Amino acid sequence: MVELNSGEVGVVIAQNLVRRLQPRVMVVHDAQGNPLHPHKMLDLMKDPLAGPNKPYRIVHALGYDKVKISPRELFL
């Protein structure tokens, strides 16, 4: 689980072995903490934009106990 510079929360779903801070991320909560359906997929290696001239970046990792999410929600 990671927090992005947009305030959104995501789950890292694939590593980037060359640039470790630019993995693929599935965004599961918006900046207000509301669940996103459908989930938004981001490949940080491709520099998707969170705003004008503002690429998405990981701010920090989150513990699983910090975000209320069910594993079933991610894979069903």
PDB file of N, CA and C in Angstrom:
ATOM      1  N   MET A   1       0.858  -1.168   0.000  1.00  0.00           N
ATOM      2  CA  MET A   1       0.000   0.000   0.000  1.00  0.00           C
ATOM      3  C   MET A   1       0.906   1.233   0.000  1.00  0.00           C
ATOM      4  N   VAL A   2       0.547   2.192  -0.850  1.00  0.00           N
ATOM      5  CA  VAL A   2       1.329   3.420  -0.951  1.00  0.00           C
ATOM      6  C   VAL A   2       0.405   4.628  -1.025  1.00  0.00           C
ATOM      7  N   GLU A   3       0.902   5.741  -0.532  1.00  0.00           N
ATOM      8  CA  GLU A   3       0.203   7.013  -0.713  1.00  0.00           C
ATOM      9  C   GLU A   3       0.902   7.751  -1.838  1.00  0.00           C
ATOM     10  N   LEU A   4       0.107   8.288  -2.754  1.00  0.00           N
ATOM     11  CA  LEU A   4       0.643   9.031  -3.880  1.00  0.00           C
ATOM     12  C   LEU A   4       0.619  10.526  -3.595  1.00  0.00           C
ATOM     13  N   ASN A   5       1.385  11.289  -4.350  1.00  0.00           N
ATOM     14  CA  ASN A   5       1.447  12.734  -4.135  1.00  0.00           C
ATOM     15  C   ASN A   5       0.121  13.434  -4.420  1.00  0.00           C
ATOM     16  N   SER A   6      -0.825  12.726  -5.005  1.00  0.00           N
ATOM     17  CA  SER A   6      -2.165  13.272  -5.245  1.00  0.00           C
ATOM     18  C   SER A   6      -3.072  13.096  -4.023  1.00  0.00           C
ATOM     19  N   GLY A   7      -2.589  12.336  -3.024  1.00  0.00           N
ATOM     20  CA  GLY A   7      -3.400  12.026  -1.855  1.00  0.00           C
ATOM     21  C   GLY A   7      -4.131  10.704  -2.000  1.00  0.00           C
ATOM     22  N   GLU A   8      -4.100  10.121  -3.192  1.00  0.00           N
ATOM     23  CA  GLU A   8      -4.749   8.839  -3.434  1.00  0.00           C
ATOM     24  C   GLU A   8      -3.928   7.708  -2.811  1.00  0.00           C
ATOM     25  N   VAL A   9      -4.596   6.579  -2.573  1.00  0.00           N
ATOM     26  CA  VAL A   9      -3.946   5.403  -2.001  1.00  0.00           C
ATOM     27  C   VAL A   9      -4.023   4.278  -3.015  1.00  0.00           C
ATOM     28  N   GLY A  10      -2.915   3.560  -3.157  1.00  0.00           N
ATOM     29  CA  GLY A  10      -2.885   2.470  -4.119  1.00  0.00           C
ATOM     30  C   GLY A  10      -2.148   1.255  -3.597  1.00  0.00           C
ATOM     31  N   VAL A  11      -2.294   0.182  -4.357  1.00  0.00           N
ATOM     32  CA  VAL A  11      -1.621  -1.078  -4.075  1.00  0.00           C
ATOM     33  C   VAL A  11      -0.611  -1.310  -5.196  1.00  0.00           C
ATOM     34  N   VAL A  12       0.633  -1.572  -4.836  1.00  0.00           N
ATOM     35  CA  VAL A  12       1.642  -1.892  -5.849  1.00  0.00           C
ATOM     36  C   VAL A  12       1.316  -3.275  -6.389  1.00  0.00           C
ATOM     37  N   ILE A  13       1.118  -3.367  -7.708  1.00  0.00           N
ATOM     38  CA  ILE A  13       0.750  -4.651  -8.295  1.00  0.00           C
ATOM     39  C   ILE A  13       1.869  -5.251  -9.139  1.00  0.00           C
ATOM     40  N   ALA A  14       2.880  -4.450  -9.484  1.00  0.00           N
ATOM     41  CA  ALA A  14       4.030  -4.968 -10.222  1.00  0.00           C
ATOM     42  C   ALA A  14       5.238  -4.093  -9.931  1.00  0.00           C
ATOM     43  N   GLN A  15       6.365  -4.737  -9.705  1.00  0.00           N
ATOM     44  CA  GLN A  15       7.602  -4.018  -9.445  1.00  0.00           C
ATOM     45  C   GLN A  15       8.210  -3.510 -10.740  1.00  0.00           C
ATOM     46  N   ASN A  16       9.023  -2.502 -10.611  1.00  0.00           N
ATOM     47  CA  ASN A  16       9.860  -2.033 -11.704  1.00  0.00           C
ATOM     48  C   ASN A  16      11.284  -2.287 -11.227  1.00  0.00           C
ATOM     49  N   LEU A  17      11.946  -3.289 -11.796  1.00  0.00           N
ATOM     50  CA  LEU A  17      13.268  -3.676 -11.316  1.00  0.00           C
ATOM     51  C   LEU A  17      14.345  -2.643 -11.617  1.00  0.00           C
ATOM     52  N   VAL A  18      14.108  -1.777 -12.602  1.00  0.00           N
ATOM     53  CA  VAL A  18      15.084  -0.748 -12.950  1.00  0.00           C
ATOM     54  C   VAL A  18      14.884   0.501 -12.104  1.00  0.00           C
ATOM     55  N   ARG A  19      13.625   0.923 -11.974  1.00  0.00           N
ATOM     56  CA  ARG A  19      13.297   2.127 -11.179  1.00  0.00           C
ATOM     57  C   ARG A  19      12.293   1.729 -10.114  1.00  0.00           C
ATOM     58  N   ARG A  20      12.791   1.403  -8.959  1.00  0.00           N
ATOM     59  CA  ARG A  20      11.970   0.833  -7.894  1.00  0.00           C
ATOM     60  C   ARG A  20      10.842   1.756  -7.414  1.00  0.00           C
ATOM     61  N   LEU A  21      10.994   3.058  -7.549  1.00  0.00           N
ATOM     62  CA  LEU A  21       9.946   3.982  -7.108  1.00  0.00           C
ATOM     63  C   LEU A  21       8.939   4.295  -8.205  1.00  0.00           C
ATOM     64  N   GLN A  22       9.001   3.533  -9.301  1.00  0.00           N
ATOM     65  CA  GLN A  22       8.049   3.736 -10.397  1.00  0.00           C
ATOM     66  C   GLN A  22       7.399   2.396 -10.788  1.00  0.00           C
ATOM     67  N   PRO A  23       6.714   1.753  -9.849  1.00  0.00           N
ATOM     68  CA  PRO A  23       6.047   0.482 -10.152  1.00  0.00           C
ATOM     69  C   PRO A  23       4.690   0.719 -10.809  1.00  0.00           C
ATOM     70  N   ARG A  24       3.973  -0.364 -11.065  1.00  0.00           N
ATOM     71  CA  ARG A  24       2.574  -0.263 -11.478  1.00  0.00           C
ATOM     72  C   ARG A  24       1.734  -0.247 -10.206  1.00  0.00           C
ATOM     73  N   VAL A  25       0.762   0.633 -10.169  1.00  0.00           N
ATOM     74  CA  VAL A  25      -0.053   0.843  -8.969  1.00  0.00           C
ATOM     75  C   VAL A  25      -1.534   0.798  -9.347  1.00  0.00           C
ATOM     76  N   MET A  26      -2.312   0.112  -8.526  1.00  0.00           N
ATOM     77  CA  MET A  26      -3.763   0.123  -8.669  1.00  0.00           C
ATOM     78  C   MET A  26      -4.297   1.068  -7.598  1.00  0.00           C
ATOM     79  N   VAL A  27      -4.877   2.177  -8.022  1.00  0.00           N
ATOM     80  CA  VAL A  27      -5.403   3.176  -7.087  1.00  0.00           C
ATOM     81  C   VAL A  27      -6.756   2.681  -6.588  1.00  0.00           C
ATOM     82  N   VAL A  28      -6.880   2.564  -5.255  1.00  0.00           N
ATOM     83  CA  VAL A  28      -8.095   2.012  -4.658  1.00  0.00           C
ATOM     84  C   VAL A  28      -8.906   3.035  -3.866  1.00  0.00           C
ATOM     85  N   HIS A  29      -8.279   4.129  -3.434  1.00  0.00           N
ATOM     86  CA  HIS A  29      -8.988   5.197  -2.712  1.00  0.00           C
ATOM     87  C   HIS A  29      -8.607   6.539  -3.311  1.00  0.00           C
ATOM     88  N   ASP A  30      -9.594   7.427  -3.424  1.00  0.00           N
ATOM     89  CA  ASP A  30      -9.308   8.768  -3.919  1.00  0.00           C
ATOM     90  C   ASP A  30      -8.663   9.597  -2.811  1.00  0.00           C
ATOM     91  N   ALA A  31      -8.392  10.851  -3.094  1.00  0.00           N
ATOM     92  CA  ALA A  31      -7.699  11.720  -2.139  1.00  0.00           C
ATOM     93  C   ALA A  31      -8.505  11.973  -0.866  1.00  0.00           C
ATOM     94  N   GLN A  32      -9.833  11.789  -0.925  1.00  0.00           N
ATOM     95  CA  GLN A  32     -10.674  11.978   0.260  1.00  0.00           C
ATOM     96  C   GLN A  32     -10.845  10.678   1.051  1.00  0.00           C
ATOM     97  N   GLY A  33     -10.255   9.586   0.568  1.00  0.00           N
ATOM     98  CA  GLY A  33     -10.367   8.307   1.261  1.00  0.00           C
ATOM     99  C   GLY A  33     -11.537   7.456   0.824  1.00  0.00           C
ATOM    100  N   ASN A  34     -12.247   7.895  -0.215  1.00  0.00           N
ATOM    101  CA  ASN A  34     -13.385   7.132  -0.721  1.00  0.00           C
ATOM    102  C   ASN A  34     -12.908   6.029  -1.666  1.00  0.00           C
ATOM    103  N   PRO A  35     -13.530   4.853  -1.604  1.00  0.00           N
ATOM    104  CA  PRO A  35     -13.140   3.776  -2.515  1.00  0.00           C
ATOM    105  C   PRO A  35     -13.402   4.156  -3.971  1.00  0.00           C
ATOM    106  N   LEU A  36     -12.510   3.760  -4.847  1.00  0.00           N
ATOM    107  CA  LEU A  36     -12.674   3.993  -6.289  1.00  0.00           C
ATOM    108  C   LEU A  36     -13.169   2.720  -6.946  1.00  0.00           C
ATOM    109  N   HIS A  37     -14.226   2.837  -7.735  1.00  0.00           N
ATOM    110  CA  HIS A  37     -14.750   1.712  -8.509  1.00  0.00           C
ATOM    111  C   HIS A  37     -15.118   2.230  -9.885  1.00  0.00           C
ATOM    112  N   PRO A  38     -14.533   1.793 -10.943  1.00  0.00           N
ATOM    113  CA  PRO A  38     -13.471   0.788 -10.978  1.00  0.00           C
ATOM    114  C   PRO A  38     -12.157   1.399 -10.515  1.00  0.00           C
ATOM    115  N   HIS A  39     -11.221   0.530 -10.148  1.00  0.00           N
ATOM    116  CA  HIS A  39      -9.908   0.993  -9.714  1.00  0.00           C
ATOM    117  C   HIS A  39      -9.158   1.591 -10.898  1.00  0.00           C
ATOM    118  N   LYS A  40      -8.319   2.558 -10.589  1.00  0.00           N
ATOM    119  CA  LYS A  40      -7.507   3.209 -11.621  1.00  0.00           C
ATOM    120  C   LYS A  40      -6.132   2.543 -11.643  1.00  0.00           C
ATOM    121  N   MET A  41      -5.668   2.166 -12.838  1.00  0.00           N
ATOM    122  CA  MET A  41      -4.350   1.544 -12.978  1.00  0.00           C
ATOM    123  C   MET A  41      -3.353   2.581 -13.479  1.00  0.00           C
ATOM    124  N   LEU A  42      -2.189   2.652 -12.826  1.00  0.00           N
ATOM    125  CA  LEU A  42      -1.146   3.598 -13.209  1.00  0.00           C
ATOM    126  C   LEU A  42       0.175   2.861 -13.391  1.00  0.00           C
ATOM    127  N   ASP A  43       0.889   3.161 -14.446  1.00  0.00           N
ATOM    128  CA  ASP A  43       2.250   2.689 -14.624  1.00  0.00           C
ATOM    129  C   ASP A  43       3.134   3.914 -14.407  1.00  0.00           C
ATOM    130  N   LEU A  44       3.726   4.027 -13.231  1.00  0.00           N
ATOM    131  CA  LEU A  44       4.481   5.231 -12.887  1.00  0.00           C
ATOM    132  C   LEU A  44       5.705   5.423 -13.778  1.00  0.00           C
ATOM    133  N   MET A  45       6.158   4.356 -14.415  1.00  0.00           N
ATOM    134  CA  MET A  45       7.286   4.453 -15.347  1.00  0.00           C
ATOM    135  C   MET A  45       6.921   5.329 -16.548  1.00  0.00           C
ATOM    136  N   LYS A  46       5.644   5.389 -16.880  1.00  0.00           N
ATOM    137  CA  LYS A  46       5.184   6.176 -18.035  1.00  0.00           C
ATOM    138  C   LYS A  46       4.822   7.608 -17.661  1.00  0.00           C
ATOM    139  N   ASP A  47       5.114   7.990 -16.412  1.00  0.00           N
ATOM    140  CA  ASP A  47       4.872   9.354 -15.921  1.00  0.00           C
ATOM    141  C   ASP A  47       3.450   9.862 -16.152  1.00  0.00           C
ATOM    142  N   PRO A  48       2.426   9.116 -15.695  1.00  0.00           N
ATOM    143  CA  PRO A  48       1.063   9.655 -15.797  1.00  0.00           C
ATOM    144  C   PRO A  48       0.952  10.910 -14.938  1.00  0.00           C
ATOM    145  N   LEU A  49       0.068  11.800 -15.337  1.00  0.00           N
ATOM    146  CA  LEU A  49      -0.034  13.086 -14.643  1.00  0.00           C
ATOM    147  C   LEU A  49      -1.147  13.080 -13.596  1.00  0.00           C
ATOM    148  N   ALA A  50      -0.809  13.588 -12.407  1.00  0.00           N
ATOM    149  CA  ALA A  50      -1.772  13.763 -11.326  1.00  0.00           C
ATOM    150  C   ALA A  50      -2.419  15.143 -11.418  1.00  0.00           C
ATOM    151  N   GLY A  51      -1.794  16.022 -12.161  1.00  0.00           N
ATOM    152  CA  GLY A  51      -2.269  17.386 -12.365  1.00  0.00           C
ATOM    153  C   GLY A  51      -1.414  18.012 -13.444  1.00  0.00           C
ATOM    154  N   PRO A  52      -1.646  19.282 -13.752  1.00  0.00           N
ATOM    155  CA  PRO A  52      -0.849  19.937 -14.789  1.00  0.00           C
ATOM    156  C   PRO A  52       0.652  19.897 -14.461  1.00  0.00           C
ATOM    157  N   ASN A  53       1.419  19.279 -15.349  1.00  0.00           N
ATOM    158  CA  ASN A  53       2.879  19.170 -15.178  1.00  0.00           C
ATOM    159  C   ASN A  53       3.280  18.548 -13.839  1.00  0.00           C
ATOM    160  N   LYS A  54       2.437  17.666 -13.303  1.00  0.00           N
ATOM    161  CA  LYS A  54       2.706  17.035 -12.002  1.00  0.00           C
ATOM    162  C   LYS A  54       2.548  15.518 -12.141  1.00  0.00           C
ATOM    163  N   PRO A  55       3.655  14.807 -12.406  1.00  0.00           N
ATOM    164  CA  PRO A  55       3.541  13.353 -12.532  1.00  0.00           C
ATOM    165  C   PRO A  55       3.265  12.706 -11.174  1.00  0.00           C
ATOM    166  N   TYR A  56       2.539  11.588 -11.212  1.00  0.00           N
ATOM    167  CA  TYR A  56       2.306  10.819  -9.995  1.00  0.00           C
ATOM    168  C   TYR A  56       3.633  10.343  -9.424  1.00  0.00           C
ATOM    169  N   ARG A  57       3.753  10.395  -8.111  1.00  0.00           N
ATOM    170  CA  ARG A  57       4.918   9.877  -7.399  1.00  0.00           C
ATOM    171  C   ARG A  57       4.454   9.249  -6.093  1.00  0.00           C
ATOM    172  N   ILE A  58       5.211   8.295  -5.621  1.00  0.00           N
ATOM    173  CA  ILE A  58       4.937   7.685  -4.318  1.00  0.00           C
ATOM    174  C   ILE A  58       5.498   8.590  -3.232  1.00  0.00           C
ATOM    175  N   VAL A  59       4.661   8.917  -2.250  1.00  0.00           N
ATOM    176  CA  VAL A  59       5.092   9.753  -1.125  1.00  0.00           C
ATOM    177  C   VAL A  59       5.673   8.857  -0.036  1.00  0.00           C
ATOM    178  N   HIS A  60       4.931   7.800   0.324  1.00  0.00           N
ATOM    179  CA  HIS A  60       5.435   6.844   1.303  1.00  0.00           C
ATOM    180  C   HIS A  60       4.585   5.578   1.305  1.00  0.00           C
ATOM    181  N   ALA A  61       5.149   4.558   1.903  1.00  0.00           N
ATOM    182  CA  ALA A  61       4.444   3.287   2.042  1.00  0.00           C
ATOM    183  C   ALA A  61       3.497   3.370   3.231  1.00  0.00           C
ATOM    184  N   LEU A  62       2.394   2.623   3.160  1.00  0.00           N
ATOM    185  CA  LEU A  62       1.413   2.587   4.239  1.00  0.00           C
ATOM    186  C   LEU A  62       1.311   1.155   4.763  1.00  0.00           C
ATOM    187  N   GLY A  63       1.107   1.020   6.054  1.00  0.00           N
ATOM    188  CA  GLY A  63       0.858  -0.298   6.618  1.00  0.00           C
ATOM    189  C   GLY A  63      -0.537  -0.763   6.235  1.00  0.00           C
ATOM    190  N   TYR A  64      -0.707  -2.074   6.121  1.00  0.00           N
ATOM    191  CA  TYR A  64      -2.016  -2.609   5.737  1.00  0.00           C
ATOM    192  C   TYR A  64      -3.104  -2.240   6.741  1.00  0.00           C
ATOM    193  N   ASP A  65      -2.727  -1.998   7.992  1.00  0.00           N
ATOM    194  CA  ASP A  65      -3.718  -1.629   8.999  1.00  0.00           C
ATOM    195  C   ASP A  65      -4.154  -0.171   8.883  1.00  0.00           C
ATOM    196  N   LYS A  66      -3.464   0.615   8.060  1.00  0.00           N
ATOM    197  CA  LYS A  66      -3.798   2.037   7.902  1.00  0.00           C
ATOM    198  C   LYS A  66      -4.927   2.270   6.905  1.00  0.00           C
ATOM    199  N   VAL A  67      -5.174   1.304   6.034  1.00  0.00           N
ATOM    200  CA  VAL A  67      -6.182   1.458   4.989  1.00  0.00           C
ATOM    201  C   VAL A  67      -7.184   0.332   5.121  1.00  0.00           C
ATOM    202  N   LYS A  68      -8.449   0.691   5.201  1.00  0.00           N
ATOM    203  CA  LYS A  68      -9.509  -0.319   5.308  1.00  0.00           C
ATOM    204  C   LYS A  68      -9.849  -0.824   3.911  1.00  0.00           C
ATOM    205  N   ILE A  69      -9.344  -1.999   3.586  1.00  0.00           N
ATOM    206  CA  ILE A  69      -9.611  -2.587   2.286  1.00  0.00           C
ATOM    207  C   ILE A  69      -9.596  -4.103   2.422  1.00  0.00           C
ATOM    208  N   SER A  70     -10.507  -4.723   1.735  1.00  0.00           N
ATOM    209  CA  SER A  70     -10.615  -6.171   1.763  1.00  0.00           C
ATOM    210  C   SER A  70      -9.878  -6.752   0.558  1.00  0.00           C
ATOM    211  N   PRO A  71      -9.062  -7.791   0.753  1.00  0.00           N
ATOM    212  CA  PRO A  71      -8.410  -8.435  -0.394  1.00  0.00           C
ATOM    213  C   PRO A  71      -9.399  -8.906  -1.445  1.00  0.00           C
ATOM    214  N   ARG A  72     -10.590  -9.308  -1.027  1.00  0.00           N
ATOM    215  CA  ARG A  72     -11.624  -9.732  -1.980  1.00  0.00           C
ATOM    216  C   ARG A  72     -11.998  -8.607  -2.941  1.00  0.00           C
ATOM    217  N   GLU A  73     -12.006  -7.389  -2.428  1.00  0.00           N
ATOM    218  CA  GLU A  73     -12.368  -6.230  -3.242  1.00  0.00           C
ATOM    219  C   GLU A  73     -11.359  -6.042  -4.378  1.00  0.00           C
ATOM    220  N   LEU A  74     -10.117  -6.414  -4.147  1.00  0.00           N
ATOM    221  CA  LEU A  74      -9.069  -6.185  -5.137  1.00  0.00           C
ATOM    222  C   LEU A  74      -9.087  -7.203  -6.264  1.00  0.00           C
ATOM    223  N   PHE A  75      -9.532  -8.419  -5.978  1.00  0.00           N
ATOM    224  CA  PHE A  75      -9.353  -9.488  -6.951  1.00  0.00           C
ATOM    225  C   PHE A  75     -10.642 -10.084  -7.473  1.00  0.00           C
ATOM    226  N   LEU A  76     -11.800  -9.527  -7.136  1.00  0.00           N
ATOM    227  CA  LEU A  76     -13.070 -10.037  -7.661  1.00  0.00           C
ATOM    228  C   LEU A  76     -13.604  -9.138  -8.745  1.00  0.00           C
TER     229      LEU A  76
END
